[in-house]
Amino acid sequence: MNVLHTLLVIVQVLSALAMIGLVLMQHGKGADAGAAFGGGASASLFGASGGANFLSRSTAVLATVFLASTLALAFLGYQRPSAPAAAGSVLETLPAAPAAPAAPAGADGGAAQIPGK
């Protein structure tokens, strides 16, 4: 179980870092207008429009991997209590309240100790 947890954490971190890199590599919506005036965006690695499709699909795949690993980690992290004693309330597991102090020796509440009575 511990190996699976470690593997899922590694997959989640790598997919998050790769997704951050892919999002930063993508052009914004206003980048196409800059290319018309000599911005040079059309001479990219993936061609004029191939990069947008490849990067957006890769981002969607990585987002799916990230979501699946997050859900798997949440499922593994949630453990139901197996012992019947642990199934009770949190308040039931606290130690009992301390006992009340003992009453004074006299049954009349100490009135016998008052002088003049």
PDB file of N, CA and C in Angstrom:
ATOM      1  N   MET A   1       0.829  -1.190   0.000  1.00  0.00           N
ATOM      2  CA  MET A   1       0.000   0.000   0.000  1.00  0.00           C
ATOM      3  C   MET A   1       0.873   1.253   0.000  1.00  0.00           C
ATOM      4  N   ASN A   2       1.989   1.202   0.725  1.00  0.00           N
ATOM      5  CA  ASN A   2       2.866   2.352   0.805  1.00  0.00           C
ATOM      6  C   ASN A   2       3.546   2.630  -0.532  1.00  0.00           C
ATOM      7  N   VAL A   3       3.887   1.559  -1.285  1.00  0.00           N
ATOM      8  CA  VAL A   3       4.521   1.732  -2.594  1.00  0.00           C
ATOM      9  C   VAL A   3       3.538   2.367  -3.571  1.00  0.00           C
ATOM     10  N   LEU A   4       2.295   1.946  -3.523  1.00  0.00           N
ATOM     11  CA  LEU A   4       1.269   2.519  -4.396  1.00  0.00           C
ATOM     12  C   LEU A   4       1.047   3.997  -4.075  1.00  0.00           C
ATOM     13  N   HIS A   5       1.041   4.330  -2.815  1.00  0.00           N
ATOM     14  CA  HIS A   5       0.866   5.723  -2.399  1.00  0.00           C
ATOM     15  C   HIS A   5       2.024   6.576  -2.912  1.00  0.00           C
ATOM     16  N   THR A   6       3.247   6.090  -2.774  1.00  0.00           N
ATOM     17  CA  THR A   6       4.419   6.822  -3.248  1.00  0.00           C
ATOM     18  C   THR A   6       4.389   6.979  -4.761  1.00  0.00           C
ATOM     19  N   LEU A   7       4.008   5.934  -5.463  1.00  0.00           N
ATOM     20  CA  LEU A   7       3.919   6.001  -6.916  1.00  0.00           C
ATOM     21  C   LEU A   7       2.870   7.012  -7.371  1.00  0.00           C
ATOM     22  N   LEU A   8       1.736   7.036  -6.692  1.00  0.00           N
ATOM     23  CA  LEU A   8       0.693   8.003  -7.047  1.00  0.00           C
ATOM     24  C   LEU A   8       1.125   9.438  -6.774  1.00  0.00           C
ATOM     25  N   VAL A   9       1.863   9.650  -5.695  1.00  0.00           N
ATOM     26  CA  VAL A   9       2.352  11.002  -5.398  1.00  0.00           C
ATOM     27  C   VAL A   9       3.350  11.448  -6.469  1.00  0.00           C
ATOM     28  N   ILE A  10       4.218  10.534  -6.906  1.00  0.00           N
ATOM     29  CA  ILE A  10       5.188  10.872  -7.954  1.00  0.00           C
ATOM     30  C   ILE A  10       4.471  11.199  -9.262  1.00  0.00           C
ATOM     31  N   VAL A  11       3.470  10.387  -9.622  1.00  0.00           N
ATOM     32  CA  VAL A  11       2.703  10.643 -10.847  1.00  0.00           C
ATOM     33  C   VAL A  11       1.986  11.988 -10.754  1.00  0.00           C
ATOM     34  N   GLN A  12       1.439  12.292  -9.592  1.00  0.00           N
ATOM     35  CA  GLN A  12       0.716  13.551  -9.431  1.00  0.00           C
ATOM     36  C   GLN A  12       1.655  14.755  -9.550  1.00  0.00           C
ATOM     37  N   VAL A  13       2.807  14.695  -8.923  1.00  0.00           N
ATOM     38  CA  VAL A  13       3.747  15.816  -8.973  1.00  0.00           C
ATOM     39  C   VAL A  13       4.285  16.002 -10.386  1.00  0.00           C
ATOM     40  N   LEU A  14       4.645  14.906 -11.055  1.00  0.00           N
ATOM     41  CA  LEU A  14       5.167  15.024 -12.421  1.00  0.00           C
ATOM     42  C   LEU A  14       4.108  15.538 -13.388  1.00  0.00           C
ATOM     43  N   SER A  15       2.883  15.069 -13.238  1.00  0.00           N
ATOM     44  CA  SER A  15       1.833  15.566 -14.135  1.00  0.00           C
ATOM     45  C   SER A  15       1.530  17.037 -13.865  1.00  0.00           C
ATOM     46  N   ALA A  16       1.608  17.456 -12.602  1.00  0.00           N
ATOM     47  CA  ALA A  16       1.369  18.865 -12.292  1.00  0.00           C
ATOM     48  C   ALA A  16       2.466  19.744 -12.885  1.00  0.00           C
ATOM     49  N   LEU A  17       3.722  19.324 -12.756  1.00  0.00           N
ATOM     50  CA  LEU A  17       4.822  20.116 -13.313  1.00  0.00           C
ATOM     51  C   LEU A  17       4.761  20.162 -14.835  1.00  0.00           C
ATOM     52  N   ALA A  18       4.452  19.027 -15.465  1.00  0.00           N
ATOM     53  CA  ALA A  18       4.333  19.004 -16.918  1.00  0.00           C
ATOM     54  C   ALA A  18       3.161  19.857 -17.396  1.00  0.00           C
ATOM     55  N   MET A  19       2.075  19.834 -16.654  1.00  0.00           N
ATOM     56  CA  MET A  19       0.914  20.651 -17.030  1.00  0.00           C
ATOM     57  C   MET A  19       1.234  22.139 -16.907  1.00  0.00           C
ATOM     58  N   ILE A  20       1.974  22.514 -15.870  1.00  0.00           N
ATOM     59  CA  ILE A  20       2.372  23.914 -15.717  1.00  0.00           C
ATOM     60  C   ILE A  20       3.249  24.329 -16.893  1.00  0.00           C
ATOM     61  N   GLY A  21       4.195  23.476 -17.284  1.00  0.00           N
ATOM     62  CA  GLY A  21       5.054  23.786 -18.428  1.00  0.00           C
ATOM     63  C   GLY A  21       4.278  23.910 -19.722  1.00  0.00           C
ATOM     64  N   LEU A  22       3.313  23.015 -19.940  1.00  0.00           N
ATOM     65  CA  LEU A  22       2.522  23.086 -21.168  1.00  0.00           C
ATOM     66  C   LEU A  22       1.644  24.324 -21.212  1.00  0.00           C
ATOM     67  N   VAL A  23       1.086  24.702 -20.093  1.00  0.00           N
ATOM     68  CA  VAL A  23       0.248  25.904 -20.069  1.00  0.00           C
ATOM     69  C   VAL A  23       1.097  27.146 -20.346  1.00  0.00           C
ATOM     70  N   LEU A  24       2.308  27.173 -19.804  1.00  0.00           N
ATOM     71  CA  LEU A  24       3.172  28.329 -20.046  1.00  0.00           C
ATOM     72  C   LEU A  24       3.684  28.378 -21.483  1.00  0.00           C
ATOM     73  N   MET A  25       3.775  27.231 -22.165  1.00  0.00           N
ATOM     74  CA  MET A  25       4.218  27.213 -23.559  1.00  0.00           C
ATOM     75  C   MET A  25       3.125  27.639 -24.529  1.00  0.00           C
ATOM     76  N   GLN A  26       1.883  27.540 -24.125  1.00  0.00           N
ATOM     77  CA  GLN A  26       0.792  27.866 -25.029  1.00  0.00           C
ATOM     78  C   GLN A  26       0.696  29.373 -25.240  1.00  0.00           C
ATOM     79  N   HIS A  27       0.203  29.723 -26.406  1.00  0.00           N
ATOM     80  CA  HIS A  27      -0.002  31.131 -26.731  1.00  0.00           C
ATOM     81  C   HIS A  27      -1.376  31.561 -26.258  1.00  0.00           C
ATOM     82  N   GLY A  28      -1.485  32.821 -25.920  1.00  0.00           N
ATOM     83  CA  GLY A  28      -2.776  33.359 -25.546  1.00  0.00           C
ATOM     84  C   GLY A  28      -3.638  33.598 -26.760  1.00  0.00           C
ATOM     85  N   LYS A  29      -4.865  34.010 -26.528  1.00  0.00           N
ATOM     86  CA  LYS A  29      -5.784  34.254 -27.642  1.00  0.00           C
ATOM     87  C   LYS A  29      -5.354  35.466 -28.474  1.00  0.00           C
ATOM     88  N   GLY A  30      -4.667  36.395 -27.872  1.00  0.00           N
ATOM     89  CA  GLY A  30      -4.230  37.576 -28.607  1.00  0.00           C
ATOM     90  C   GLY A  30      -2.921  37.390 -29.347  1.00  0.00           C
ATOM     91  N   ALA A  31      -2.294  36.230 -29.248  1.00  0.00           N
ATOM     92  CA  ALA A  31      -1.009  36.009 -29.905  1.00  0.00           C
ATOM     93  C   ALA A  31      -1.161  35.884 -31.419  1.00  0.00           C
ATOM     94  N   ASP A  32      -2.311  35.465 -31.902  1.00  0.00           N
ATOM     95  CA  ASP A  32      -2.520  35.335 -33.345  1.00  0.00           C
ATOM     96  C   ASP A  32      -2.545  36.687 -34.025  1.00  0.00           C
ATOM     97  N   ALA A  33      -3.044  37.706 -33.361  1.00  0.00           N
ATOM     98  CA  ALA A  33      -3.053  39.043 -33.948  1.00  0.00           C
ATOM     99  C   ALA A  33      -1.642  39.584 -34.054  1.00  0.00           C
ATOM    100  N   GLY A  34      -0.769  39.225 -33.136  1.00  0.00           N
ATOM    101  CA  GLY A  34       0.621  39.678 -33.197  1.00  0.00           C
ATOM    102  C   GLY A  34       1.382  39.013 -34.326  1.00  0.00           C
ATOM    103  N   ALA A  35       1.007  37.806 -34.702  1.00  0.00           N
ATOM    104  CA  ALA A  35       1.685  37.100 -35.783  1.00  0.00           C
ATOM    105  C   ALA A  35       1.414  37.760 -37.125  1.00  0.00           C
ATOM    106  N   ALA A  36       0.279  38.408 -37.281  1.00  0.00           N
ATOM    107  CA  ALA A  36      -0.054  39.077 -38.544  1.00  0.00           C
ATOM    108  C   ALA A  36       0.859  40.274 -38.786  1.00  0.00           C
ATOM    109  N   PHE A  37       1.414  40.848 -37.733  1.00  0.00           N
ATOM    110  CA  PHE A  37       2.280  42.013 -37.873  1.00  0.00           C
ATOM    111  C   PHE A  37       3.761  41.656 -37.700  1.00  0.00           C
ATOM    112  N   GLY A  38       4.109  40.402 -37.941  1.00  0.00           N
ATOM    113  CA  GLY A  38       5.514  40.014 -37.903  1.00  0.00           C
ATOM    114  C   GLY A  38       5.979  39.557 -36.534  1.00  0.00           C
ATOM    115  N   GLY A  39       5.103  39.009 -35.746  1.00  0.00           N
ATOM    116  CA  GLY A  39       5.494  38.531 -34.426  1.00  0.00           C
ATOM    117  C   GLY A  39       6.329  37.264 -34.472  1.00  0.00           C
ATOM    118  N   GLY A  40       6.294  36.539 -35.568  1.00  0.00           N
ATOM    119  CA  GLY A  40       7.087  35.330 -35.707  1.00  0.00           C
ATOM    120  C   GLY A  40       6.478  34.116 -35.051  1.00  0.00           C
ATOM    121  N   ALA A  41       5.248  34.171 -34.635  1.00  0.00           N
ATOM    122  CA  ALA A  41       4.625  33.032 -33.970  1.00  0.00           C
ATOM    123  C   ALA A  41       4.291  31.924 -34.955  1.00  0.00           C
ATOM    124  N   SER A  42       4.215  32.240 -36.245  1.00  0.00           N
ATOM    125  CA  SER A  42       3.868  31.212 -37.217  1.00  0.00           C
ATOM    126  C   SER A  42       5.039  30.263 -37.463  1.00  0.00           C
ATOM    127  N   ALA A  43       6.229  30.653 -37.121  1.00  0.00           N
ATOM    128  CA  ALA A  43       7.403  29.802 -37.306  1.00  0.00           C
ATOM    129  C   ALA A  43       7.719  29.063 -36.008  1.00  0.00           C
ATOM    130  N   SER A  44       6.754  28.372 -35.487  1.00  0.00           N
ATOM    131  CA  SER A  44       6.945  27.664 -34.226  1.00  0.00           C
ATOM    132  C   SER A  44       7.389  26.234 -34.495  1.00  0.00           C
ATOM    133  N   LEU A  45       7.599  25.498 -33.459  1.00  0.00           N
ATOM    134  CA  LEU A  45       8.078  24.122 -33.550  1.00  0.00           C
ATOM    135  C   LEU A  45       7.044  23.200 -34.184  1.00  0.00           C
ATOM    136  N   PHE A  46       5.766  23.431 -33.932  1.00  0.00           N
ATOM    137  CA  PHE A  46       4.717  22.538 -34.400  1.00  0.00           C
ATOM    138  C   PHE A  46       4.016  23.048 -35.660  1.00  0.00           C
ATOM    139  N   GLY A  47       4.452  24.101 -36.255  1.00  0.00           N
ATOM    140  CA  GLY A  47       3.798  24.653 -37.428  1.00  0.00           C
ATOM    141  C   GLY A  47       2.866  25.793 -37.044  1.00  0.00           C
ATOM    142  N   ALA A  48       2.093  26.272 -37.992  1.00  0.00           N
ATOM    143  CA  ALA A  48       1.244  27.430 -37.764  1.00  0.00           C
ATOM    144  C   ALA A  48       0.097  27.138 -36.804  1.00  0.00           C
ATOM    145  N   SER A  49      -0.568  26.020 -36.973  1.00  0.00           N
ATOM    146  CA  SER A  49      -1.696  25.729 -36.098  1.00  0.00           C
ATOM    147  C   SER A  49      -1.576  24.382 -35.389  1.00  0.00           C
ATOM    148  N   GLY A  50      -0.572  23.589 -35.709  1.00  0.00           N
ATOM    149  CA  GLY A  50      -0.429  22.270 -35.106  1.00  0.00           C
ATOM    150  C   GLY A  50      -0.068  22.331 -33.641  1.00  0.00           C
ATOM    151  N   GLY A  51       0.624  23.375 -33.252  1.00  0.00           N
ATOM    152  CA  GLY A  51       1.038  23.495 -31.859  1.00  0.00           C
ATOM    153  C   GLY A  51      -0.124  23.685 -30.913  1.00  0.00           C
ATOM    154  N   ALA A  52      -1.118  24.425 -31.328  1.00  0.00           N
ATOM    155  CA  ALA A  52      -2.266  24.685 -30.463  1.00  0.00           C
ATOM    156  C   ALA A  52      -3.029  23.391 -30.189  1.00  0.00           C
ATOM    157  N   ASN A  53      -3.215  22.593 -31.236  1.00  0.00           N
ATOM    158  CA  ASN A  53      -3.937  21.335 -31.035  1.00  0.00           C
ATOM    159  C   ASN A  53      -3.140  20.361 -30.182  1.00  0.00           C
ATOM    160  N   PHE A  54      -1.850  20.233 -30.461  1.00  0.00           N
ATOM    161  CA  PHE A  54      -1.018  19.297 -29.706  1.00  0.00           C
ATOM    162  C   PHE A  54      -0.909  19.721 -28.248  1.00  0.00           C
ATOM    163  N   LEU A  55      -0.654  21.002 -28.000  1.00  0.00           N
ATOM    164  CA  LEU A  55      -0.477  21.473 -26.629  1.00  0.00           C
ATOM    165  C   LEU A  55      -1.783  21.410 -25.840  1.00  0.00           C
ATOM    166  N   SER A  56      -2.893  21.741 -26.467  1.00  0.00           N
ATOM    167  CA  SER A  56      -4.165  21.712 -25.743  1.00  0.00           C
ATOM    168  C   SER A  56      -4.596  20.274 -25.450  1.00  0.00           C
ATOM    169  N   ARG A  57      -4.343  19.359 -26.379  1.00  0.00           N
ATOM    170  CA  ARG A  57      -4.686  17.953 -26.118  1.00  0.00           C
ATOM    171  C   ARG A  57      -3.769  17.357 -25.056  1.00  0.00           C
ATOM    172  N   SER A  58      -2.498  17.712 -25.102  1.00  0.00           N
ATOM    173  CA  SER A  58      -1.563  17.219 -24.081  1.00  0.00           C
ATOM    174  C   SER A  58      -1.937  17.754 -22.699  1.00  0.00           C
ATOM    175  N   THR A  59      -2.351  19.006 -22.647  1.00  0.00           N
ATOM    176  CA  THR A  59      -2.780  19.590 -21.383  1.00  0.00           C
ATOM    177  C   THR A  59      -4.018  18.883 -20.855  1.00  0.00           C
ATOM    178  N   ALA A  60      -4.942  18.554 -21.735  1.00  0.00           N
ATOM    179  CA  ALA A  60      -6.155  17.851 -21.308  1.00  0.00           C
ATOM    180  C   ALA A  60      -5.828  16.449 -20.793  1.00  0.00           C
ATOM    181  N   VAL A  61      -4.907  15.759 -21.442  1.00  0.00           N
ATOM    182  CA  VAL A  61      -4.506  14.428 -20.979  1.00  0.00           C
ATOM    183  C   VAL A  61      -3.822  14.518 -19.619  1.00  0.00           C
ATOM    184  N   LEU A  62      -2.925  15.485 -19.460  1.00  0.00           N
ATOM    185  CA  LEU A  62      -2.241  15.643 -18.174  1.00  0.00           C
ATOM    186  C   LEU A  62      -3.209  16.064 -17.068  1.00  0.00           C
ATOM    187  N   ALA A  63      -4.194  16.866 -17.402  1.00  0.00           N
ATOM    188  CA  ALA A  63      -5.189  17.249 -16.401  1.00  0.00           C
ATOM    189  C   ALA A  63      -6.004  16.031 -15.970  1.00  0.00           C
ATOM    190  N   THR A  64      -6.299  15.137 -16.903  1.00  0.00           N
ATOM    191  CA  THR A  64      -7.021  13.918 -16.565  1.00  0.00           C
ATOM    192  C   THR A  64      -6.176  13.003 -15.680  1.00  0.00           C
ATOM    193  N   VAL A  65      -4.885  12.886 -15.995  1.00  0.00           N
ATOM    194  CA  VAL A  65      -3.979  12.071 -15.167  1.00  0.00           C
ATOM    195  C   VAL A  65      -3.875  12.670 -13.767  1.00  0.00           C
ATOM    196  N   PHE A  66      -3.766  13.998 -13.695  1.00  0.00           N
ATOM    197  CA  PHE A  66      -3.663  14.673 -12.406  1.00  0.00           C
ATOM    198  C   PHE A  66      -4.933  14.452 -11.577  1.00  0.00           C
ATOM    199  N   LEU A  67      -6.091  14.582 -12.195  1.00  0.00           N
ATOM    200  CA  LEU A  67      -7.357  14.381 -11.487  1.00  0.00           C
ATOM    201  C   LEU A  67      -7.504  12.935 -11.018  1.00  0.00           C
ATOM    202  N   ALA A  68      -7.142  11.986 -11.877  1.00  0.00           N
ATOM    203  CA  ALA A  68      -7.250  10.579 -11.499  1.00  0.00           C
ATOM    204  C   ALA A  68      -6.314  10.242 -10.344  1.00  0.00           C
ATOM    205  N   SER A  69      -5.094  10.778 -10.371  1.00  0.00           N
ATOM    206  CA  SER A  69      -4.164  10.496  -9.268  1.00  0.00           C
ATOM    207  C   SER A  69      -4.619  11.169  -7.976  1.00  0.00           C
ATOM    208  N   THR A  70      -5.222  12.339  -8.082  1.00  0.00           N
ATOM    209  CA  THR A  70      -5.744  13.009  -6.897  1.00  0.00           C
ATOM    210  C   THR A  70      -6.889  12.219  -6.283  1.00  0.00           C
ATOM    211  N   LEU A  71      -7.791  11.726  -7.117  1.00  0.00           N
ATOM    212  CA  LEU A  71      -8.903  10.920  -6.608  1.00  0.00           C
ATOM    213  C   LEU A  71      -8.409   9.607  -6.003  1.00  0.00           C
ATOM    214  N   ALA A  72      -7.393   8.998  -6.624  1.00  0.00           N
ATOM    215  CA  ALA A  72      -6.847   7.750  -6.077  1.00  0.00           C
ATOM    216  C   ALA A  72      -6.166   7.998  -4.736  1.00  0.00           C
ATOM    217  N   LEU A  73      -5.448   9.109  -4.611  1.00  0.00           N
ATOM    218  CA  LEU A  73      -4.812   9.437  -3.333  1.00  0.00           C
ATOM    219  C   LEU A  73      -5.853   9.721  -2.257  1.00  0.00           C
ATOM    220  N   ALA A  74      -6.920  10.384  -2.629  1.00  0.00           N
ATOM    221  CA  ALA A  74      -7.985  10.651  -1.663  1.00  0.00           C
ATOM    222  C   ALA A  74      -8.659   9.355  -1.228  1.00  0.00           C
ATOM    223  N   PHE A  75      -8.843   8.436  -2.163  1.00  0.00           N
ATOM    224  CA  PHE A  75      -9.453   7.150  -1.827  1.00  0.00           C
ATOM    225  C   PHE A  75      -8.545   6.334  -0.913  1.00  0.00           C
ATOM    226  N   LEU A  76      -7.246   6.351  -1.189  1.00  0.00           N
ATOM    227  CA  LEU A  76      -6.305   5.606  -0.343  1.00  0.00           C
ATOM    228  C   LEU A  76      -6.125   6.262   1.019  1.00  0.00           C
ATOM    229  N   GLY A  77      -6.265   7.563   1.078  1.00  0.00           N
ATOM    230  CA  GLY A  77      -6.089   8.267   2.334  1.00  0.00           C
ATOM    231  C   GLY A  77      -7.247   8.102   3.286  1.00  0.00           C
ATOM    232  N   TYR A  78      -8.408   7.796   2.752  1.00  0.00           N
ATOM    233  CA  TYR A  78      -9.588   7.595   3.588  1.00  0.00           C
ATOM    234  C   TYR A  78      -9.608   6.159   4.055  1.00  0.00           C
ATOM    235  N   GLN A  79      -9.431   5.950   5.346  1.00  0.00           N
ATOM    236  CA  GLN A  79      -9.440   4.600   5.888  1.00  0.00           C
ATOM    237  C   GLN A  79     -10.558   4.485   6.905  1.00  0.00           C
ATOM    238  N   ARG A  80     -11.400   3.520   6.728  1.00  0.00           N
ATOM    239  CA  ARG A  80     -12.489   3.295   7.672  1.00  0.00           C
ATOM    240  C   ARG A  80     -11.939   2.620   8.916  1.00  0.00           C
ATOM    241  N   PRO A  81     -12.478   2.940  10.077  1.00  0.00           N
ATOM    242  CA  PRO A  81     -11.999   2.284  11.294  1.00  0.00           C
ATOM    243  C   PRO A  81     -12.379   0.809  11.285  1.00  0.00           C
ATOM    244  N   SER A  82     -11.409  -0.048  11.591  1.00  0.00           N
ATOM    245  CA  SER A  82     -11.674  -1.478  11.551  1.00  0.00           C
ATOM    246  C   SER A  82     -12.063  -2.029  12.922  1.00  0.00           C
ATOM    247  N   ALA A  83     -11.596  -1.409  13.989  1.00  0.00           N
ATOM    248  CA  ALA A  83     -11.912  -1.897  15.334  1.00  0.00           C
ATOM    249  C   ALA A  83     -13.266  -1.341  15.764  1.00  0.00           C
ATOM    250  N   PRO A  84     -14.082  -2.137  16.466  1.00  0.00           N
ATOM    251  CA  PRO A  84     -15.384  -1.623  16.910  1.00  0.00           C
ATOM    252  C   PRO A  84     -15.249  -0.515  17.935  1.00  0.00           C
ATOM    253  N   ALA A  85     -14.171  -0.505  18.712  1.00  0.00           N
ATOM    254  CA  ALA A  85     -14.001   0.543  19.719  1.00  0.00           C
ATOM    255  C   ALA A  85     -13.738   1.894  19.059  1.00  0.00           C
ATOM    256  N   ALA A  86     -13.109   1.872  17.902  1.00  0.00           N
ATOM    257  CA  ALA A  86     -12.795   3.114  17.220  1.00  0.00           C
ATOM    258  C   ALA A  86     -13.994   3.684  16.472  1.00  0.00           C
ATOM    259  N   ALA A  87     -15.079   2.936  16.389  1.00  0.00           N
ATOM    260  CA  ALA A  87     -16.234   3.389  15.630  1.00  0.00           C
ATOM    261  C   ALA A  87     -17.091   4.377  16.414  1.00  0.00           C
ATOM    262  N   GLY A  88     -16.820   4.545  17.705  1.00  0.00           N
ATOM    263  CA  GLY A  88     -17.634   5.429  18.528  1.00  0.00           C
ATOM    264  C   GLY A  88     -17.271   6.888  18.324  1.00  0.00           C
ATOM    265  N   SER A  89     -17.825   7.708  19.167  1.00  0.00           N
ATOM    266  CA  SER A  89     -17.602   9.136  19.096  1.00  0.00           C
ATOM    267  C   SER A  89     -16.230   9.484  19.655  1.00  0.00           C
ATOM    268  N   VAL A  90     -15.720  10.634  19.268  1.00  0.00           N
ATOM    269  CA  VAL A  90     -14.454  11.118  19.797  1.00  0.00           C
ATOM    270  C   VAL A  90     -14.597  11.416  21.287  1.00  0.00           C
ATOM    271  N   LEU A  91     -15.762  11.881  21.682  1.00  0.00           N
ATOM    272  CA  LEU A  91     -15.981  12.199  23.092  1.00  0.00           C
ATOM    273  C   LEU A  91     -15.971  10.950  23.971  1.00  0.00           C
ATOM    274  N   GLU A  92     -16.323   9.811  23.398  1.00  0.00           N
ATOM    275  CA  GLU A  92     -16.308   8.577  24.174  1.00  0.00           C
ATOM    276  C   GLU A  92     -14.891   8.095  24.460  1.00  0.00           C
ATOM    277  N   THR A  93     -13.934   8.522  23.658  1.00  0.00           N
ATOM    278  CA  THR A  93     -12.560   8.082  23.854  1.00  0.00           C
ATOM    279  C   THR A  93     -11.800   8.955  24.840  1.00  0.00           C
ATOM    280  N   LEU A  94     -12.378  10.078  25.286  1.00  0.00           N
ATOM    281  CA  LEU A  94     -11.718  10.942  26.252  1.00  0.00           C
ATOM    282  C   LEU A  94     -11.729  10.301  27.630  1.00  0.00           C
ATOM    283  N   PRO A  95     -10.745  10.624  28.473  1.00  0.00           N
ATOM    284  CA  PRO A  95     -10.754  10.057  29.828  1.00  0.00           C
ATOM    285  C   PRO A  95     -11.942  10.593  30.622  1.00  0.00           C
ATOM    286  N   ALA A  96     -12.340   9.822  31.632  1.00  0.00           N
ATOM    287  CA  ALA A  96     -13.487  10.208  32.449  1.00  0.00           C
ATOM    288  C   ALA A  96     -13.172  11.465  33.250  1.00  0.00           C
ATOM    289  N   ALA A  97     -14.209  12.210  33.588  1.00  0.00           N
ATOM    290  CA  ALA A  97     -14.038  13.441  34.372  1.00  0.00           C
ATOM    291  C   ALA A  97     -13.560  13.077  35.778  1.00  0.00           C
ATOM    292  N   PRO A  98     -12.757  13.923  36.395  1.00  0.00           N
ATOM    293  CA  PRO A  98     -12.282  13.614  37.748  1.00  0.00           C
ATOM    294  C   PRO A  98     -13.446  13.588  38.727  1.00  0.00           C
ATOM    295  N   ALA A  99     -13.291  12.774  39.764  1.00  0.00           N
ATOM    296  CA  ALA A  99     -14.356  12.618  40.761  1.00  0.00           C
ATOM    297  C   ALA A  99     -14.503  13.895  41.567  1.00  0.00           C
ATOM    298  N   ALA A 100     -15.707  14.121  42.086  1.00  0.00           N
ATOM    299  CA  ALA A 100     -15.976  15.309  42.898  1.00  0.00           C
ATOM    300  C   ALA A 100     -15.233  15.175  44.238  1.00  0.00           C
ATOM    301  N   PRO A 101     -14.845  16.271  44.840  1.00  0.00           N
ATOM    302  CA  PRO A 101     -14.136  16.190  46.123  1.00  0.00           C
ATOM    303  C   PRO A 101     -15.044  15.585  47.194  1.00  0.00           C
ATOM    304  N   ALA A 102     -14.416  14.936  48.149  1.00  0.00           N
ATOM    305  CA  ALA A 102     -15.162  14.265  49.218  1.00  0.00           C
ATOM    306  C   ALA A 102     -15.856  15.290  50.107  1.00  0.00           C
ATOM    307  N   ALA A 103     -17.019  14.914  50.651  1.00  0.00           N
ATOM    308  CA  ALA A 103     -17.786  15.794  51.537  1.00  0.00           C
ATOM    309  C   ALA A 103     -17.057  15.910  52.879  1.00  0.00           C
ATOM    310  N   PRO A 104     -17.262  16.997  53.630  1.00  0.00           N
ATOM    311  CA  PRO A 104     -16.628  17.128  54.948  1.00  0.00           C
ATOM    312  C   PRO A 104     -17.090  16.022  55.894  1.00  0.00           C
ATOM    313  N   ALA A 105     -16.336  15.844  56.944  1.00  0.00           N
ATOM    314  CA  ALA A 105     -16.584  14.742  57.879  1.00  0.00           C
ATOM    315  C   ALA A 105     -17.937  14.853  58.569  1.00  0.00           C
ATOM    316  N   GLY A 106     -18.386  16.055  58.897  1.00  0.00           N
ATOM    317  CA  GLY A 106     -19.658  16.229  59.575  1.00  0.00           C
ATOM    318  C   GLY A 106     -20.825  16.085  58.643  1.00  0.00           C
ATOM    319  N   ALA A 107     -21.895  15.441  59.101  1.00  0.00           N
ATOM    320  CA  ALA A 107     -23.079  15.268  58.263  1.00  0.00           C
ATOM    321  C   ALA A 107     -23.858  16.548  58.110  1.00  0.00           C
ATOM    322  N   ASP A 108     -23.672  17.481  59.044  1.00  0.00           N
ATOM    323  CA  ASP A 108     -24.419  18.728  58.973  1.00  0.00           C
ATOM    324  C   ASP A 108     -23.683  19.793  58.150  1.00  0.00           C
ATOM    325  N   GLY A 109     -22.673  19.397  57.392  1.00  0.00           N
ATOM    326  CA  GLY A 109     -21.984  20.320  56.505  1.00  0.00           C
ATOM    327  C   GLY A 109     -21.018  21.237  57.234  1.00  0.00           C
ATOM    328  N   GLY A 110     -20.534  20.860  58.387  1.00  0.00           N
ATOM    329  CA  GLY A 110     -19.560  21.664  59.111  1.00  0.00           C
ATOM    330  C   GLY A 110     -20.157  22.638  60.093  1.00  0.00           C
ATOM    331  N   ALA A 111     -21.444  22.582  60.352  1.00  0.00           N
ATOM    332  CA  ALA A 111     -22.069  23.509  61.301  1.00  0.00           C
ATOM    333  C   ALA A 111     -21.642  23.195  62.722  1.00  0.00           C
ATOM    334  N   ALA A 112     -21.177  21.961  62.982  1.00  0.00           N
ATOM    335  CA  ALA A 112     -20.759  21.594  64.332  1.00  0.00           C
ATOM    336  C   ALA A 112     -19.440  22.245  64.691  1.00  0.00           C
ATOM    337  N   GLN A 113     -18.698  22.692  63.684  1.00  0.00           N
ATOM    338  CA  GLN A 113     -17.401  23.288  63.951  1.00  0.00           C
ATOM    339  C   GLN A 113     -17.504  24.774  64.287  1.00  0.00           C
ATOM    340  N   ILE A 114     -18.653  25.389  64.089  1.00  0.00           N
ATOM    341  CA  ILE A 114     -18.817  26.804  64.375  1.00  0.00           C
ATOM    342  C   ILE A 114     -18.965  26.971  65.882  1.00  0.00           C
ATOM    343  N   PRO A 115     -18.169  27.841  66.504  1.00  0.00           N
ATOM    344  CA  PRO A 115     -18.297  28.040  67.961  1.00  0.00           C
ATOM    345  C   PRO A 115     -19.620  28.678  68.321  1.00  0.00           C
ATOM    346  N   GLY A 116     -20.134  28.340  69.395  1.00  0.00           N
ATOM    347  CA  GLY A 116     -21.384  28.907  69.888  1.00  0.00           C
ATOM    348  C   GLY A 116     -22.587  28.105  69.468  1.00  0.00           C
ATOM    349  N   LYS A 117     -22.471  27.073  68.815  1.00  0.00           N
ATOM    350  CA  LYS A 117     -23.622  26.268  68.429  1.00  0.00           C
ATOM    351  C   LYS A 117     -23.579  24.951  69.059  1.00  0.00           C
TER     352      LYS A 117
END
